[in-house]
mmCIF file of all heavy atoms, coordinates in Angstrom:
data_MODEL
# 
_entry.id   MODEL 
# 
loop_
_atom_site.group_PDB 
_atom_site.id 
_atom_site.type_symbol 
_atom_site.label_atom_id 
_atom_site.label_alt_id 
_atom_site.label_comp_id 
_atom_site.label_asym_id 
_atom_site.label_entity_id 
_atom_site.label_seq_id 
_atom_site.pdbx_PDB_ins_code 
_atom_site.Cartn_x 
_atom_site.Cartn_y 
_atom_site.Cartn_z 
_atom_site.occupancy 
_atom_site.B_iso_or_equiv 
_atom_site.pdbx_formal_charge 
_atom_site.auth_seq_id 
_atom_site.auth_comp_id 
_atom_site.auth_asym_id 
_atom_site.auth_atom_id 
_atom_site.pdbx_PDB_model_num 
ATOM 1   N N   . ALA A 1 1  ? -0.876  -2.128  29.566 1.00 0.00 ? 1  ALA A N   1 
ATOM 2   C CA  . ALA A 1 1  ? -1.303  -2.114  30.959 1.00 0.00 ? 1  ALA A CA  1 
ATOM 3   C C   . ALA A 1 1  ? -0.107  -2.034  31.892 1.00 0.00 ? 1  ALA A C   1 
ATOM 4   O O   . ALA A 1 1  ? 1.032   -2.288  31.484 1.00 0.00 ? 1  ALA A O   1 
ATOM 5   C CB  . ALA A 1 1  ? -2.111  -3.371  31.260 1.00 0.00 ? 1  ALA A CB  1 
ATOM 6   N N   . TRP A 1 2  ? -0.395  -1.691  33.118 1.00 0.00 ? 2  TRP A N   1 
ATOM 7   C CA  . TRP A 1 2  ? 0.561   -1.757  34.218 1.00 0.00 ? 2  TRP A CA  1 
ATOM 8   C C   . TRP A 1 2  ? 0.060   -2.779  35.230 1.00 0.00 ? 2  TRP A C   1 
ATOM 9   O O   . TRP A 1 2  ? -1.118  -2.744  35.614 1.00 0.00 ? 2  TRP A O   1 
ATOM 10  C CB  . TRP A 1 2  ? 0.731   -0.404  34.886 1.00 0.00 ? 2  TRP A CB  1 
ATOM 11  C CG  . TRP A 1 2  ? 1.455   0.604   34.047 1.00 0.00 ? 2  TRP A CG  1 
ATOM 12  C CD1 . TRP A 1 2  ? 0.896   1.564   33.252 1.00 0.00 ? 2  TRP A CD1 1 
ATOM 13  C CD2 . TRP A 1 2  ? 2.867   0.761   33.932 1.00 0.00 ? 2  TRP A CD2 1 
ATOM 14  N NE1 . TRP A 1 2  ? 1.878   2.296   32.630 1.00 0.00 ? 2  TRP A NE1 1 
ATOM 15  C CE2 . TRP A 1 2  ? 3.108   1.829   33.041 1.00 0.00 ? 2  TRP A CE2 1 
ATOM 16  C CE3 . TRP A 1 2  ? 3.967   0.103   34.482 1.00 0.00 ? 2  TRP A CE3 1 
ATOM 17  C CZ2 . TRP A 1 2  ? 4.392   2.250   32.696 1.00 0.00 ? 2  TRP A CZ2 1 
ATOM 18  C CZ3 . TRP A 1 2  ? 5.251   0.525   34.145 1.00 0.00 ? 2  TRP A CZ3 1 
ATOM 19  C CH2 . TRP A 1 2  ? 5.454   1.594   33.263 1.00 0.00 ? 2  TRP A CH2 1 
ATOM 20  N N   . PHE A 1 3  ? 0.939   -3.643  35.632 1.00 0.00 ? 3  PHE A N   1 
ATOM 21  C CA  . PHE A 1 3  ? 0.699   -4.579  36.721 1.00 0.00 ? 3  PHE A CA  1 
ATOM 22  C C   . PHE A 1 3  ? 1.780   -4.348  37.778 1.00 0.00 ? 3  PHE A C   1 
ATOM 23  O O   . PHE A 1 3  ? 2.799   -3.726  37.496 1.00 0.00 ? 3  PHE A O   1 
ATOM 24  C CB  . PHE A 1 3  ? 0.784   -6.033  36.226 1.00 0.00 ? 3  PHE A CB  1 
ATOM 25  C CG  . PHE A 1 3  ? -0.380  -6.460  35.372 1.00 0.00 ? 3  PHE A CG  1 
ATOM 26  C CD1 . PHE A 1 3  ? -0.470  -6.067  34.045 1.00 0.00 ? 3  PHE A CD1 1 
ATOM 27  C CD2 . PHE A 1 3  ? -1.379  -7.266  35.887 1.00 0.00 ? 3  PHE A CD2 1 
ATOM 28  C CE1 . PHE A 1 3  ? -1.544  -6.456  33.248 1.00 0.00 ? 3  PHE A CE1 1 
ATOM 29  C CE2 . PHE A 1 3  ? -2.457  -7.673  35.109 1.00 0.00 ? 3  PHE A CE2 1 
ATOM 30  C CZ  . PHE A 1 3  ? -2.533  -7.261  33.782 1.00 0.00 ? 3  PHE A CZ  1 
ATOM 31  N N   . ARG A 1 4  ? 1.537   -4.844  38.974 1.00 0.00 ? 4  ARG A N   1 
ATOM 32  C CA  . ARG A 1 4  ? 2.557   -4.757  40.016 1.00 0.00 ? 4  ARG A CA  1 
ATOM 33  C C   . ARG A 1 4  ? 2.600   -6.047  40.815 1.00 0.00 ? 4  ARG A C   1 
ATOM 34  O O   . ARG A 1 4  ? 1.615   -6.776  40.897 1.00 0.00 ? 4  ARG A O   1 
ATOM 35  C CB  . ARG A 1 4  ? 2.304   -3.561  40.929 1.00 0.00 ? 4  ARG A CB  1 
ATOM 36  C CG  . ARG A 1 4  ? 1.021   -3.640  41.740 1.00 0.00 ? 4  ARG A CG  1 
ATOM 37  C CD  . ARG A 1 4  ? 0.804   -2.326  42.483 1.00 0.00 ? 4  ARG A CD  1 
ATOM 38  N NE  . ARG A 1 4  ? -0.420  -2.353  43.277 1.00 0.00 ? 4  ARG A NE  1 
ATOM 39  C CZ  . ARG A 1 4  ? -0.919  -1.293  43.926 1.00 0.00 ? 4  ARG A CZ  1 
ATOM 40  N NH1 . ARG A 1 4  ? -0.283  -0.121  43.878 1.00 0.00 ? 4  ARG A NH1 1 
ATOM 41  N NH2 . ARG A 1 4  ? -2.033  -1.414  44.630 1.00 0.00 ? 4  ARG A NH2 1 
ATOM 42  N N   . GLN A 1 5  ? 3.762   -6.296  41.394 1.00 0.00 ? 5  GLN A N   1 
ATOM 43  C CA  . GLN A 1 5  ? 3.942   -7.495  42.179 1.00 0.00 ? 5  GLN A CA  1 
ATOM 44  C C   . GLN A 1 5  ? 4.764   -7.169  43.418 1.00 0.00 ? 5  GLN A C   1 
ATOM 45  O O   . GLN A 1 5  ? 5.930   -6.779  43.309 1.00 0.00 ? 5  GLN A O   1 
ATOM 46  C CB  . GLN A 1 5  ? 4.623   -8.585  41.364 1.00 0.00 ? 5  GLN A CB  1 
ATOM 47  C CG  . GLN A 1 5  ? 4.683   -9.930  42.060 1.00 0.00 ? 5  GLN A CG  1 
ATOM 48  C CD  . GLN A 1 5  ? 5.023   -11.053 41.100 1.00 0.00 ? 5  GLN A CD  1 
ATOM 49  O OE1 . GLN A 1 5  ? 5.482   -10.828 39.976 1.00 0.00 ? 5  GLN A OE1 1 
ATOM 50  N NE2 . GLN A 1 5  ? 4.792   -12.279 41.520 1.00 0.00 ? 5  GLN A NE2 1 
ATOM 51  N N   . ALA A 1 6  ? 4.146   -7.315  44.564 1.00 0.00 ? 6  ALA A N   1 
ATOM 52  C CA  . ALA A 1 6  ? 4.826   -7.111  45.840 1.00 0.00 ? 6  ALA A CA  1 
ATOM 53  C C   . ALA A 1 6  ? 5.474   -8.420  46.267 1.00 0.00 ? 6  ALA A C   1 
ATOM 54  O O   . ALA A 1 6  ? 5.064   -9.499  45.821 1.00 0.00 ? 6  ALA A O   1 
ATOM 55  C CB  . ALA A 1 6  ? 3.829   -6.635  46.888 1.00 0.00 ? 6  ALA A CB  1 
ATOM 56  N N   . PRO A 1 7  ? 6.477   -8.373  47.147 1.00 0.00 ? 7  PRO A N   1 
ATOM 57  C CA  . PRO A 1 7  ? 7.157   -9.595  47.584 1.00 0.00 ? 7  PRO A CA  1 
ATOM 58  C C   . PRO A 1 7  ? 6.182   -10.610 48.155 1.00 0.00 ? 7  PRO A C   1 
ATOM 59  O O   . PRO A 1 7  ? 5.339   -10.282 48.996 1.00 0.00 ? 7  PRO A O   1 
ATOM 60  C CB  . PRO A 1 7  ? 8.124   -9.090  48.653 1.00 0.00 ? 7  PRO A CB  1 
ATOM 61  C CG  . PRO A 1 7  ? 8.388   -7.675  48.281 1.00 0.00 ? 7  PRO A CG  1 
ATOM 62  C CD  . PRO A 1 7  ? 7.096   -7.165  47.714 1.00 0.00 ? 7  PRO A CD  1 
ATOM 63  N N   . GLY A 1 8  ? 6.256   -11.840 47.666 1.00 0.00 ? 8  GLY A N   1 
ATOM 64  C CA  . GLY A 1 8  ? 5.428   -12.919 48.172 1.00 0.00 ? 8  GLY A CA  1 
ATOM 65  C C   . GLY A 1 8  ? 3.992   -12.899 47.682 1.00 0.00 ? 8  GLY A C   1 
ATOM 66  O O   . GLY A 1 8  ? 3.173   -13.706 48.130 1.00 0.00 ? 8  GLY A O   1 
ATOM 67  N N   . GLN A 1 9  ? 3.682   -11.986 46.761 1.00 0.00 ? 9  GLN A N   1 
ATOM 68  C CA  . GLN A 1 9  ? 2.316   -11.882 46.264 1.00 0.00 ? 9  GLN A CA  1 
ATOM 69  C C   . GLN A 1 9  ? 2.267   -12.097 44.759 1.00 0.00 ? 9  GLN A C   1 
ATOM 70  O O   . GLN A 1 9  ? 3.287   -12.075 44.081 1.00 0.00 ? 9  GLN A O   1 
ATOM 71  C CB  . GLN A 1 9  ? 1.731   -10.517 46.616 1.00 0.00 ? 9  GLN A CB  1 
ATOM 72  C CG  . GLN A 1 9  ? 1.652   -10.244 48.113 1.00 0.00 ? 9  GLN A CG  1 
ATOM 73  C CD  . GLN A 1 9  ? 0.927   -8.955  48.425 1.00 0.00 ? 9  GLN A CD  1 
ATOM 74  O OE1 . GLN A 1 9  ? 0.187   -8.417  47.606 1.00 0.00 ? 9  GLN A OE1 1 
ATOM 75  N NE2 . GLN A 1 9  ? 1.132   -8.438  49.625 1.00 0.00 ? 9  GLN A NE2 1 
ATOM 76  N N   . GLY A 1 10 ? 1.076   -12.305 44.251 1.00 0.00 ? 10 GLY A N   1 
ATOM 77  C CA  . GLY A 1 10 ? 0.888   -12.482 42.816 1.00 0.00 ? 10 GLY A CA  1 
ATOM 78  C C   . GLY A 1 10 ? 0.910   -11.165 42.079 1.00 0.00 ? 10 GLY A C   1 
ATOM 79  O O   . GLY A 1 10 ? 0.956   -10.094 42.684 1.00 0.00 ? 10 GLY A O   1 
ATOM 80  N N   . ARG A 1 11 ? 0.910   -11.267 40.747 1.00 0.00 ? 11 ARG A N   1 
ATOM 81  C CA  . ARG A 1 11 ? 0.925   -10.063 39.934 1.00 0.00 ? 11 ARG A CA  1 
ATOM 82  C C   . ARG A 1 11 ? -0.477  -9.455  39.923 1.00 0.00 ? 11 ARG A C   1 
ATOM 83  O O   . ARG A 1 11 ? -1.463  -10.119 39.591 1.00 0.00 ? 11 ARG A O   1 
ATOM 84  C CB  . ARG A 1 11 ? 1.394   -10.412 38.522 1.00 0.00 ? 11 ARG A CB  1 
ATOM 85  C CG  . ARG A 1 11 ? 1.829   -9.219  37.720 1.00 0.00 ? 11 ARG A CG  1 
ATOM 86  C CD  . ARG A 1 11 ? 2.703   -9.618  36.567 1.00 0.00 ? 11 ARG A CD  1 
ATOM 87  N NE  . ARG A 1 11 ? 4.012   -10.121 37.011 1.00 0.00 ? 11 ARG A NE  1 
ATOM 88  C CZ  . ARG A 1 11 ? 5.042   -10.341 36.199 1.00 0.00 ? 11 ARG A CZ  1 
ATOM 89  N NH1 . ARG A 1 11 ? 4.904   -10.113 34.903 1.00 0.00 ? 11 ARG A NH1 1 
ATOM 90  N NH2 . ARG A 1 11 ? 6.170   -10.804 36.674 1.00 0.00 ? 11 ARG A NH2 1 
ATOM 91  N N   . GLU A 1 12 ? -0.563  -8.171  40.247 1.00 0.00 ? 12 GLU A N   1 
ATOM 92  C CA  . GLU A 1 12 ? -1.837  -7.475  40.423 1.00 0.00 ? 12 GLU A CA  1 
ATOM 93  C C   . GLU A 1 12 ? -2.047  -6.441  39.320 1.00 0.00 ? 12 GLU A C   1 
ATOM 94  O O   . GLU A 1 12 ? -1.135  -5.657  39.022 1.00 0.00 ? 12 GLU A O   1 
ATOM 95  C CB  . GLU A 1 12 ? -1.844  -6.774  41.789 1.00 0.00 ? 12 GLU A CB  1 
ATOM 96  C CG  . GLU A 1 12 ? -3.061  -5.935  42.070 1.00 0.00 ? 12 GLU A CG  1 
ATOM 97  C CD  . GLU A 1 12 ? -2.909  -5.052  43.298 1.00 0.00 ? 12 GLU A CD  1 
ATOM 98  O OE1 . GLU A 1 12 ? -1.759  -4.775  43.697 1.00 0.00 ? 12 GLU A OE1 1 
ATOM 99  O OE2 . GLU A 1 12 ? -3.939  -4.618  43.852 1.00 0.00 ? 12 GLU A OE2 1 
ATOM 100 N N   . PHE A 1 13 ? -3.242  -6.415  38.763 1.00 0.00 ? 13 PHE A N   1 
ATOM 101 C CA  . PHE A 1 13 ? -3.594  -5.406  37.764 1.00 0.00 ? 13 PHE A CA  1 
ATOM 102 C C   . PHE A 1 13 ? -3.650  -4.027  38.403 1.00 0.00 ? 13 PHE A C   1 
ATOM 103 O O   . PHE A 1 13 ? -4.210  -3.859  39.491 1.00 0.00 ? 13 PHE A O   1 
ATOM 104 C CB  . PHE A 1 13 ? -4.943  -5.744  37.138 1.00 0.00 ? 13 PHE A CB  1 
ATOM 105 C CG  . PHE A 1 13 ? -5.505  -4.653  36.272 1.00 0.00 ? 13 PHE A CG  1 
ATOM 106 C CD1 . PHE A 1 13 ? -5.003  -4.432  34.995 1.00 0.00 ? 13 PHE A CD1 1 
ATOM 107 C CD2 . PHE A 1 13 ? -6.520  -3.836  36.726 1.00 0.00 ? 13 PHE A CD2 1 
ATOM 108 C CE1 . PHE A 1 13 ? -5.510  -3.428  34.198 1.00 0.00 ? 13 PHE A CE1 1 
ATOM 109 C CE2 . PHE A 1 13 ? -7.045  -2.828  35.939 1.00 0.00 ? 13 PHE A CE2 1 
ATOM 110 C CZ  . PHE A 1 13 ? -6.536  -2.620  34.676 1.00 0.00 ? 13 PHE A CZ  1 
ATOM 111 N N   . VAL A 1 14 ? -3.097  -3.030  37.701 1.00 0.00 ? 14 VAL A N   1 
ATOM 112 C CA  . VAL A 1 14 ? -3.140  -1.656  38.185 1.00 0.00 ? 14 VAL A CA  1 
ATOM 113 C C   . VAL A 1 14 ? -3.985  -0.781  37.257 1.00 0.00 ? 14 VAL A C   1 
ATOM 114 O O   . VAL A 1 14 ? -4.930  -0.136  37.691 1.00 0.00 ? 14 VAL A O   1 
ATOM 115 C CB  . VAL A 1 14 ? -1.720  -1.060  38.298 1.00 0.00 ? 14 VAL A CB  1 
ATOM 116 C CG1 . VAL A 1 14 ? -1.784  0.395   38.728 1.00 0.00 ? 14 VAL A CG1 1 
ATOM 117 C CG2 . VAL A 1 14 ? -0.874  -1.873  39.270 1.00 0.00 ? 14 VAL A CG2 1 
ATOM 118 N N   . ALA A 1 15 ? -3.639  -0.761  35.984 1.00 0.00 ? 15 ALA A N   1 
ATOM 119 C CA  . ALA A 1 15 ? -4.350  0.097   35.033 1.00 0.00 ? 15 ALA A CA  1 
ATOM 120 C C   . ALA A 1 15 ? -4.074  -0.383  33.621 1.00 0.00 ? 15 ALA A C   1 
ATOM 121 O O   . ALA A 1 15 ? -3.059  -1.030  33.359 1.00 0.00 ? 15 ALA A O   1 
ATOM 122 C CB  . ALA A 1 15 ? -3.925  1.557   35.185 1.00 0.00 ? 15 ALA A CB  1 
ATOM 123 N N   . ALA A 1 16 ? -5.000  -0.052  32.705 1.00 0.00 ? 16 ALA A N   1 
ATOM 124 C CA  . ALA A 1 16 ? -4.835  -0.442  31.311 1.00 0.00 ? 16 ALA A CA  1 
ATOM 125 C C   . ALA A 1 16 ? -5.418  0.627   30.399 1.00 0.00 ? 16 ALA A C   1 
ATOM 126 O O   . ALA A 1 16 ? -6.283  1.410   30.818 1.00 0.00 ? 16 ALA A O   1 
ATOM 127 C CB  . ALA A 1 16 ? -5.504  -1.785  31.038 1.00 0.00 ? 16 ALA A CB  1 
ATOM 128 N N   . ILE A 1 17 ? -4.949  0.627   29.147 1.00 0.00 ? 17 ILE A N   1 
ATOM 129 C CA  . ILE A 1 17 ? -5.425  1.597   28.176 1.00 0.00 ? 17 ILE A CA  1 
ATOM 130 C C   . ILE A 1 17 ? -5.453  0.957   26.793 1.00 0.00 ? 17 ILE A C   1 
ATOM 131 O O   . ILE A 1 17 ? -4.547  0.201   26.422 1.00 0.00 ? 17 ILE A O   1 
ATOM 132 C CB  . ILE A 1 17 ? -4.525  2.858   28.193 1.00 0.00 ? 17 ILE A CB  1 
ATOM 133 C CG1 . ILE A 1 17 ? -5.101  3.954   27.292 1.00 0.00 ? 17 ILE A CG1 1 
ATOM 134 C CG2 . ILE A 1 17 ? -3.088  2.527   27.802 1.00 0.00 ? 17 ILE A CG2 1 
ATOM 135 C CD1 . ILE A 1 17 ? -4.440  5.322   27.523 1.00 0.00 ? 17 ILE A CD1 1 
ATOM 136 N N   . LYS A 1 18 ? -6.504  1.222   26.033 1.00 0.00 ? 18 LYS A N   1 
ATOM 137 C CA  . LYS A 1 18 ? -6.598  0.716   24.671 1.00 0.00 ? 18 LYS A CA  1 
ATOM 138 C C   . LYS A 1 18 ? -5.849  1.672   23.744 1.00 0.00 ? 18 LYS A C   1 
ATOM 139 O O   . LYS A 1 18 ? -5.942  2.888   23.886 1.00 0.00 ? 18 LYS A O   1 
ATOM 140 C CB  . LYS A 1 18 ? -8.054  0.584   24.260 1.00 0.00 ? 18 LYS A CB  1 
ATOM 141 C CG  . LYS A 1 18 ? -8.778  -0.481  25.062 1.00 0.00 ? 18 LYS A CG  1 
ATOM 142 C CD  . LYS A 1 18 ? -10.223 -0.653  24.635 1.00 0.00 ? 18 LYS A CD  1 
ATOM 143 C CE  . LYS A 1 18 ? -10.362 -1.327  23.306 1.00 0.00 ? 18 LYS A CE  1 
ATOM 144 N NZ  . LYS A 1 18 ? -11.774 -1.665  23.006 1.00 0.00 ? 18 LYS A NZ  1 
ATOM 145 N N   . SER A 1 19 ? -5.143  1.111   22.803 1.00 0.00 ? 19 SER A N   1 
ATOM 146 C CA  . SER A 1 19 ? -4.222  1.904   21.985 1.00 0.00 ? 19 SER A CA  1 
ATOM 147 C C   . SER A 1 19 ? -4.926  2.900   21.077 1.00 0.00 ? 19 SER A C   1 
ATOM 148 O O   . SER A 1 19 ? -4.463  4.028   20.913 1.00 0.00 ? 19 SER A O   1 
ATOM 149 C CB  . SER A 1 19 ? -3.363  0.961   21.135 1.00 0.00 ? 19 SER A CB  1 
ATOM 150 O OG  . SER A 1 19 ? -2.582  0.134   21.946 1.00 0.00 ? 19 SER A OG  1 
ATOM 151 N N   . VAL A 1 20 ? -6.018  2.517   20.477 1.00 0.00 ? 20 VAL A N   1 
ATOM 152 C CA  . VAL A 1 20 ? -6.683  3.395   19.505 1.00 0.00 ? 20 VAL A CA  1 
ATOM 153 C C   . VAL A 1 20 ? -7.673  4.335   20.191 1.00 0.00 ? 20 VAL A C   1 
ATOM 154 O O   . VAL A 1 20 ? -7.606  5.550   20.047 1.00 0.00 ? 20 VAL A O   1 
ATOM 155 C CB  . VAL A 1 20 ? -7.382  2.565   18.421 1.00 0.00 ? 20 VAL A CB  1 
ATOM 156 C CG1 . VAL A 1 20 ? -8.172  3.474   17.481 1.00 0.00 ? 20 VAL A CG1 1 
ATOM 157 C CG2 . VAL A 1 20 ? -6.368  1.750   17.636 1.00 0.00 ? 20 VAL A CG2 1 
ATOM 158 N N   . SER A 1 21 ? -8.583  3.782   20.970 1.00 0.00 ? 21 SER A N   1 
ATOM 159 C CA  . SER A 1 21 ? -9.644  4.603   21.567 1.00 0.00 ? 21 SER A CA  1 
ATOM 160 C C   . SER A 1 21 ? -9.167  5.395   22.775 1.00 0.00 ? 21 SER A C   1 
ATOM 161 O O   . SER A 1 21 ? -9.769  6.411   23.129 1.00 0.00 ? 21 SER A O   1 
ATOM 162 C CB  . SER A 1 21 ? -10.813 3.717   21.976 1.00 0.00 ? 21 SER A CB  1 
ATOM 163 O OG  . SER A 1 21 ? -10.440 2.865   23.044 1.00 0.00 ? 21 SER A OG  1 
ATOM 164 N N   . GLY A 1 22 ? -8.118  4.907   23.449 1.00 0.00 ? 22 GLY A N   1 
ATOM 165 C CA  . GLY A 1 22 ? -7.663  5.571   24.662 1.00 0.00 ? 22 GLY A CA  1 
ATOM 166 C C   . GLY A 1 22 ? -8.499  5.262   25.884 1.00 0.00 ? 22 GLY A C   1 
ATOM 167 O O   . GLY A 1 22 ? -8.296  5.863   26.946 1.00 0.00 ? 22 GLY A O   1 
ATOM 168 N N   . VAL A 1 23 ? -9.437  4.340   25.760 1.00 0.00 ? 23 VAL A N   1 
ATOM 169 C CA  . VAL A 1 23 ? -10.256 3.966   26.904 1.00 0.00 ? 23 VAL A CA  1 
ATOM 170 C C   . VAL A 1 23 ? -9.355  3.387   27.997 1.00 0.00 ? 23 VAL A C   1 
ATOM 171 O O   . VAL A 1 23 ? -8.483  2.565   27.727 1.00 0.00 ? 23 VAL A O   1 
ATOM 172 C CB  . VAL A 1 23 ? -11.321 2.936   26.488 1.00 0.00 ? 23 VAL A CB  1 
ATOM 173 C CG1 . VAL A 1 23 ? -12.010 2.343   27.706 1.00 0.00 ? 23 VAL A CG1 1 
ATOM 174 C CG2 . VAL A 1 23 ? -12.329 3.579   25.559 1.00 0.00 ? 23 VAL A CG2 1 
ATOM 175 N N   . THR A 1 24 ? -9.586  3.828   29.232 1.00 0.00 ? 24 THR A N   1 
ATOM 176 C CA  . THR A 1 24 ? -8.749  3.394   30.339 1.00 0.00 ? 24 THR A CA  1 
ATOM 177 C C   . THR A 1 24 ? -9.557  2.652   31.394 1.00 0.00 ? 24 THR A C   1 
ATOM 178 O O   . THR A 1 24 ? -10.778 2.754   31.469 1.00 0.00 ? 24 THR A O   1 
ATOM 179 C CB  . THR A 1 24 ? -8.047  4.587   30.999 1.00 0.00 ? 24 THR A CB  1 
ATOM 180 O OG1 . THR A 1 24 ? -9.045  5.465   31.552 1.00 0.00 ? 24 THR A OG1 1 
ATOM 181 C CG2 . THR A 1 24 ? -7.205  5.352   29.995 1.00 0.00 ? 24 THR A CG2 1 
ATOM 182 N N   . LEU A 1 25 ? -8.825  1.929   32.218 1.00 0.00 ? 25 LEU A N   1 
ATOM 183 C CA  . LEU A 1 25 ? -9.413  1.204   33.336 1.00 0.00 ? 25 LEU A CA  1 
ATOM 184 C C   . LEU A 1 25 ? -8.388  1.212   34.457 1.00 0.00 ? 25 LEU A C   1 
ATOM 185 O O   . LEU A 1 25 ? -7.202  0.953   34.214 1.00 0.00 ? 25 LEU A O   1 
ATOM 186 C CB  . LEU A 1 25 ? -9.743  -0.222  32.911 1.00 0.00 ? 25 LEU A CB  1 
ATOM 187 C CG  . LEU A 1 25 ? -10.682 -1.032  33.789 1.00 0.00 ? 25 LEU A CG  1 
ATOM 188 C CD1 . LEU A 1 25 ? -12.057 -0.402  33.834 1.00 0.00 ? 25 LEU A CD1 1 
ATOM 189 C CD2 . LEU A 1 25 ? -10.776 -2.464  33.254 1.00 0.00 ? 25 LEU A CD2 1 
# 
């Protein structure tokens, strides 16, 4: 997955992918 964190903020989910199936979110 990719997460991001802006200054003064918490870590936010951006996108994810399953290794075998390739299903993304």
